[in-house]
């Protein structure tokens, strides 16, 4: 019985210590409250497209570096006006979704001839290891769906008839996850308001013997470059290919009219372009 007072004393001492810790130690880690506030605005998809492991990590980065929201924006947030408004208030910044939003485009018509029966790993990255794939054009879309597997919006699908990936622009948020998955670098993020795209990624400066572009590929005639009055079409000497400067494009469509192969098309309705593609 003599040890009871000692136990009571120890219990009281522990209670006092716990009380003091509760009163004196901050209940929130410094900066965590703002991080949680930002995280509550983000979509919570944890897709990693922003370059961070997840939404909470992105929120933590934004709490310390608010201007990161313009350098590496969350595409899903940009497509939600209410989220944009809330994020502007929390970060004390002004966001222009139209300037920051992106869309993914695929630079391939899918009409390249299949030259062998491929039976390896059924992934684009696997098939690309064999001389660039099993199609006549070594830069053609292989259509095995690496890009479809990573799209969080279900915006990418495979056209079974042409064996090519196509993007539903109404669903695409421009997260860019599909870009990293394509071994032929066919997918590009372009400004959301882009209207004109080139449906060819063939690079003649990196020819592979016995392989060639399909009958629908760009022939590098540069008529589009000469037709453009706004210098929005440029010739890239390193790639030996035409490039579109989207910021300068006025969508006058003169380049599309000048393209003999109909490889330059309007982005809207590009998935239904087959009837417009006539080899010469």
Protein backbone atom coordinates (compact mmCIF):
# COMPACT_ATOMS: atom_id res chain seq x y z
CA UNK A 1 0.00 0.00 0.00
CA UNK A 2 2.99 2.27 0.58
CA UNK A 3 3.72 2.45 -3.14
CA UNK A 4 0.27 3.88 -4.00
CA UNK A 5 1.18 7.52 -3.17
CA UNK A 6 4.31 7.15 -5.34
CA UNK A 7 2.23 5.90 -8.29
CA UNK A 8 -0.24 8.75 -7.82
CA UNK A 9 2.65 11.22 -7.80
CA UNK A 10 4.05 9.76 -11.03
CA UNK A 11 0.61 9.90 -12.67
CA UNK A 12 0.16 13.55 -11.68
CA UNK A 13 3.65 14.40 -12.98
CA UNK A 14 2.92 12.70 -16.32
CA UNK A 15 -0.41 14.53 -16.56
CA UNK A 16 1.29 17.88 -16.00
CA UNK A 17 3.94 17.09 -18.63
CA UNK A 18 1.28 16.10 -21.16
CA UNK A 19 -0.66 19.29 -20.44
CA UNK A 20 2.42 21.48 -20.85
CA UNK A 21 3.36 19.77 -24.13
CA UNK A 22 -0.19 20.24 -25.44
CA UNK A 23 -0.16 23.95 -24.55
CA UNK A 24 3.37 24.84 -25.59
CA UNK A 25 4.02 22.67 -28.67
CA UNK A 26 2.34 23.93 -31.90
CA UNK A 27 -0.51 21.71 -33.00
CA UNK A 28 0.29 22.27 -36.66
CA UNK A 29 3.60 21.87 -38.41
CA UNK A 30 4.71 25.22 -39.83
CA UNK A 31 3.20 25.70 -43.28
CA UNK A 32 1.07 22.57 -43.03
CA UNK A 33 -2.19 24.47 -42.65
CA UNK A 34 -1.67 26.26 -45.97
CA UNK A 35 -0.56 23.03 -47.59
CA UNK A 36 -3.77 21.34 -46.46
CA UNK A 37 -5.81 24.29 -47.74
CA UNK A 38 -4.19 24.04 -51.17
CA UNK A 39 -4.52 20.26 -51.18
CA UNK A 40 -8.27 20.56 -50.56
CA UNK A 41 -8.56 22.58 -53.78
CA UNK A 42 -6.57 20.16 -55.94
CA UNK A 43 -8.45 17.29 -57.66
CA UNK A 44 -6.81 14.53 -55.60
CA UNK A 45 -6.02 12.37 -58.63
CA UNK A 46 -2.38 11.93 -57.59
CA UNK A 47 -1.49 11.44 -61.26
CA UNK A 48 2.00 12.94 -60.95
CA UNK A 49 1.64 14.96 -64.16
CA UNK A 50 2.71 18.12 -62.32
CA UNK A 51 6.08 16.56 -61.61
CA UNK A 52 5.33 15.84 -57.95
CA UNK A 53 4.61 12.40 -56.40
CA UNK A 54 1.01 13.38 -55.67
CA UNK A 55 -1.39 16.22 -54.94
CA UNK A 56 -0.26 16.68 -51.34
CA UNK A 57 3.39 16.96 -52.39
CA UNK A 58 2.36 19.45 -55.10
CA UNK A 59 0.37 21.45 -52.53
CA UNK A 60 3.39 21.52 -50.24
CA UNK A 61 5.59 22.77 -53.09
CA UNK A 62 3.05 25.48 -53.95
CA UNK A 63 2.87 26.66 -50.34
CA UNK A 64 6.60 27.34 -50.49
CA UNK A 65 6.85 28.48 -54.11
CA UNK A 66 3.52 29.94 -55.39
CA UNK A 67 4.89 30.81 -58.86
CA UNK A 68 5.33 27.08 -59.48
CA UNK A 69 1.64 27.02 -60.38
CA UNK A 70 2.43 28.78 -63.68
CA UNK A 71 5.62 26.85 -64.40
CA UNK A 72 4.12 23.46 -63.69
CA UNK A 73 0.33 23.86 -63.52
CA UNK A 74 -2.13 21.14 -62.60
CA UNK A 75 -4.00 20.54 -65.84
CA UNK A 76 -7.07 19.13 -64.12
CA UNK A 77 -7.34 22.23 -61.95
CA UNK A 78 -7.03 24.55 -64.97
CA UNK A 79 -10.10 22.90 -66.47
CA UNK A 80 -12.21 23.73 -63.41
CA UNK A 81 -12.99 27.49 -63.09
CA UNK A 82 -14.03 27.15 -59.44
CA UNK A 83 -10.76 25.46 -58.47
CA UNK A 84 -8.79 28.10 -60.39
CA UNK A 85 -10.58 30.89 -58.49
CA UNK A 86 -9.91 29.26 -55.12
CA UNK A 87 -6.25 28.62 -55.94
CA UNK A 88 -5.75 32.24 -57.01
CA UNK A 89 -7.02 33.45 -53.64
CA UNK A 90 -4.89 31.07 -51.59
CA UNK A 91 -1.69 31.66 -53.54
CA UNK A 92 -2.36 35.35 -54.24
CA UNK A 93 -1.66 34.91 -57.95
CA UNK A 94 -3.52 35.51 -61.20
CA UNK A 95 -3.97 32.53 -63.49
CA UNK A 96 -4.89 32.53 -67.16
CA UNK A 97 -6.16 29.00 -67.90
CA UNK A 98 -6.37 29.69 -71.64
CA UNK A 99 -2.65 30.50 -71.74
CA UNK A 100 -1.58 27.63 -69.49
CA UNK A 101 -3.89 24.87 -70.71
CA UNK A 102 -2.50 22.24 -73.05
CA UNK A 103 -3.84 19.47 -75.26
CA UNK A 104 -2.10 16.34 -76.48
CA UNK A 105 -1.83 15.60 -80.19
CA UNK A 106 -0.49 12.53 -81.98
CA UNK A 107 1.72 13.12 -85.00
CA UNK A 108 0.73 10.06 -87.02
CA UNK A 109 -2.08 9.03 -89.37
CA UNK A 110 -1.72 5.35 -88.55
CA UNK A 111 -1.62 4.35 -92.19
CA UNK A 112 1.89 2.88 -92.23
CA UNK A 113 2.15 -0.66 -93.64
CA UNK A 114 2.78 -3.57 -91.24
CA UNK A 115 5.90 -5.40 -92.48
CA UNK A 116 6.19 -8.30 -90.01
CA UNK A 117 4.26 -10.31 -87.44
CA UNK A 118 5.31 -9.04 -84.04
CA UNK A 119 4.99 -11.52 -81.16
CA UNK A 120 7.12 -9.96 -78.41
CA UNK A 121 6.07 -7.92 -75.40
CA UNK A 122 2.77 -6.31 -76.36
CA UNK A 123 3.81 -2.81 -75.48
CA UNK A 124 4.96 0.03 -77.72
CA UNK A 125 8.21 0.32 -75.78
CA UNK A 126 8.83 -3.39 -76.27
CA UNK A 127 8.03 -3.41 -80.00
CA UNK A 128 10.11 -0.28 -80.63
CA UNK A 129 13.25 -2.17 -79.58
CA UNK A 130 13.15 -4.14 -82.84
CA UNK A 131 14.42 -1.61 -85.42
CA UNK A 132 11.82 0.90 -84.35
CA UNK A 133 8.82 -1.44 -84.55
CA UNK A 134 6.95 -3.60 -87.03
CA UNK A 135 5.66 -0.94 -89.41
CA UNK A 136 7.18 0.38 -92.64
CA UNK A 137 7.72 3.79 -91.07
CA UNK A 138 10.09 3.48 -88.09
CA UNK A 139 8.38 6.49 -86.51
CA UNK A 140 4.79 5.29 -86.87
CA UNK A 141 2.39 4.83 -83.99
CA UNK A 142 2.57 1.15 -82.99
CA UNK A 143 -0.92 1.18 -81.50
CA UNK A 144 -0.22 -1.14 -78.57
CA UNK A 145 -1.72 1.24 -76.03
CA UNK A 146 1.07 2.35 -73.71
CA UNK A 147 -0.47 5.83 -73.83
CA UNK A 148 -4.02 4.62 -73.22
CA UNK A 149 -2.95 2.80 -70.06
CA UNK A 150 -1.71 5.96 -68.33
CA UNK A 151 -4.44 8.44 -69.33
CA UNK A 152 -6.46 9.28 -66.19
CA UNK A 153 -9.30 10.77 -68.25
CA UNK A 154 -9.74 7.92 -70.72
CA UNK A 155 -9.08 10.41 -73.51
CA UNK A 156 -6.73 8.15 -75.48
CA UNK A 157 -7.97 5.12 -77.38
CA UNK A 158 -6.75 2.86 -80.16
CA UNK A 159 -8.39 2.99 -83.59
CA UNK A 160 -8.63 -0.76 -84.31
CA UNK A 161 -8.93 -0.28 -88.06
CA UNK A 162 -5.83 1.88 -88.48
CA UNK A 163 -4.01 0.58 -85.39
CA UNK A 164 -3.20 4.09 -84.21
CA UNK A 165 -3.78 5.99 -80.99
CA UNK A 166 -6.34 8.81 -81.18
CA UNK A 167 -7.16 11.48 -78.63
CA UNK A 168 -10.62 12.70 -77.70
CA UNK A 169 -9.90 16.41 -77.33
CA UNK A 170 -13.10 16.93 -75.35
CA UNK A 171 -11.69 14.68 -72.60
CA UNK A 172 -7.99 15.54 -72.77
CA UNK A 173 -6.78 17.77 -69.93
CA UNK A 174 -3.22 18.06 -71.21
CA UNK A 175 -1.65 16.32 -68.22
CA UNK A 176 1.17 15.00 -70.41
CA UNK A 177 1.38 11.50 -68.94
CA UNK A 178 0.92 9.96 -72.38
CA UNK A 179 3.82 12.01 -73.80
CA UNK A 180 6.41 10.20 -71.69
CA UNK A 181 5.03 6.77 -72.63
CA UNK A 182 5.49 7.03 -76.42
CA UNK A 183 8.84 5.53 -77.53
CA UNK A 184 8.61 7.29 -80.90
CA UNK A 185 7.92 10.72 -79.36
CA UNK A 186 4.74 11.03 -81.41
CA UNK A 187 2.72 12.78 -78.73
CA UNK A 188 3.14 16.48 -78.07
CA UNK A 189 1.49 18.93 -75.70
CA UNK A 190 0.34 22.01 -77.57
CA UNK A 191 -1.60 25.10 -76.44
CA UNK A 192 -5.25 24.20 -75.88
CA UNK A 193 -6.36 26.70 -78.54
CA UNK A 194 -4.17 25.11 -81.24
CA UNK A 195 -6.08 24.51 -84.46
CA UNK A 196 -3.45 23.18 -86.89
CA UNK A 197 -1.32 20.05 -86.42
CA UNK A 198 1.11 18.02 -88.49
CA UNK A 199 0.20 14.33 -88.70
CA UNK A 200 3.69 13.06 -89.36
CA UNK A 201 6.79 12.50 -87.24
CA UNK A 202 9.08 11.03 -89.89
CA UNK A 203 12.70 12.15 -89.54
CA UNK A 204 14.62 11.67 -92.81
CA UNK A 205 17.92 12.58 -91.15
CA UNK A 206 17.66 9.38 -89.11
CA UNK A 207 16.74 6.95 -91.86
CA UNK A 208 16.85 3.22 -91.16
CA UNK A 209 17.82 1.12 -94.25
CA UNK A 210 14.79 -0.61 -95.72
CA UNK A 211 12.34 1.57 -93.82
CA UNK A 212 10.49 4.59 -95.15
CA UNK A 213 7.60 6.90 -94.49
CA UNK A 214 4.09 5.83 -95.41
CA UNK A 215 2.23 7.12 -98.47
CA UNK A 216 0.58 9.73 -96.26
CA UNK A 217 3.77 11.12 -94.72
CA UNK A 218 5.13 14.65 -95.07
CA UNK A 219 7.45 14.90 -98.11
CA UNK A 220 9.26 17.98 -96.76
CA UNK A 221 8.35 20.13 -99.76
CA UNK A 222 8.12 23.18 -97.47
CA UNK A 223 5.19 24.64 -99.37
CA UNK A 224 3.49 25.23 -96.04
CA UNK A 225 6.46 27.27 -94.84
CA UNK A 226 6.30 29.47 -97.91
CA UNK A 227 2.51 29.79 -97.73
CA UNK A 228 2.46 31.02 -94.14
CA UNK A 229 2.41 34.82 -93.94
CA UNK A 230 2.93 34.92 -90.19
CA UNK A 231 6.13 32.87 -89.85
CA UNK A 232 4.25 30.25 -87.88
CA UNK A 233 5.74 27.45 -90.00
CA UNK A 234 9.47 26.87 -89.59
CA UNK A 235 11.97 24.42 -91.03
CA UNK A 236 13.95 22.61 -88.33
CA UNK A 237 17.33 21.77 -89.88
CA UNK A 238 18.32 19.45 -87.04
CA UNK A 239 15.24 17.27 -87.50
CA UNK A 240 14.82 17.90 -91.21
CA UNK A 241 11.16 18.60 -90.51
CA UNK A 242 8.54 21.31 -90.40
CA UNK A 243 7.56 22.75 -87.03
CA UNK A 244 4.53 24.85 -86.13
CA UNK A 245 5.02 27.89 -83.90
CA UNK A 246 1.59 27.79 -82.30
CA UNK A 247 1.93 31.23 -80.70
CA UNK A 248 2.21 32.81 -84.15
CA UNK A 249 -0.47 30.75 -85.90
CA UNK A 250 -3.61 32.69 -86.80
CA UNK A 251 -5.45 29.64 -88.17
CA UNK A 252 -5.65 31.19 -91.62
CA UNK A 253 -5.37 27.61 -93.02
CA UNK A 254 -3.14 28.64 -95.92
CA UNK A 255 -0.61 26.00 -94.88
CA UNK A 256 -3.35 23.34 -94.92
CA UNK A 257 -4.37 24.41 -98.43
CA UNK A 258 -0.75 24.26 -99.60
CA UNK A 259 -0.10 20.73 -98.24
CA UNK A 260 -0.29 18.24 -101.11
CA UNK A 261 -0.29 15.24 -98.78
CA UNK A 262 -3.02 16.67 -96.55
CA UNK A 263 -0.70 15.96 -93.63
CA UNK A 264 -1.47 19.35 -92.11
CA UNK A 265 -5.00 19.33 -90.72
CA UNK A 266 -7.23 21.27 -88.37
CA UNK A 267 -7.05 19.80 -84.88
CA UNK A 268 -10.83 19.76 -84.49
CA UNK A 269 -12.06 16.57 -86.08
CA UNK A 270 -8.56 15.24 -86.72
CA UNK A 271 -9.74 11.79 -85.65
CA UNK A 272 -12.02 11.70 -88.72
CA UNK A 273 -9.32 12.74 -91.18
CA UNK A 274 -8.97 9.47 -93.10
CA UNK A 275 -11.27 10.49 -95.94
CA UNK A 276 -9.16 13.62 -96.45
CA UNK A 277 -5.87 11.74 -96.71
CA UNK A 278 -5.18 10.87 -100.32
CA UNK A 279 -1.67 9.70 -101.28
CA UNK A 280 -0.03 11.31 -104.29
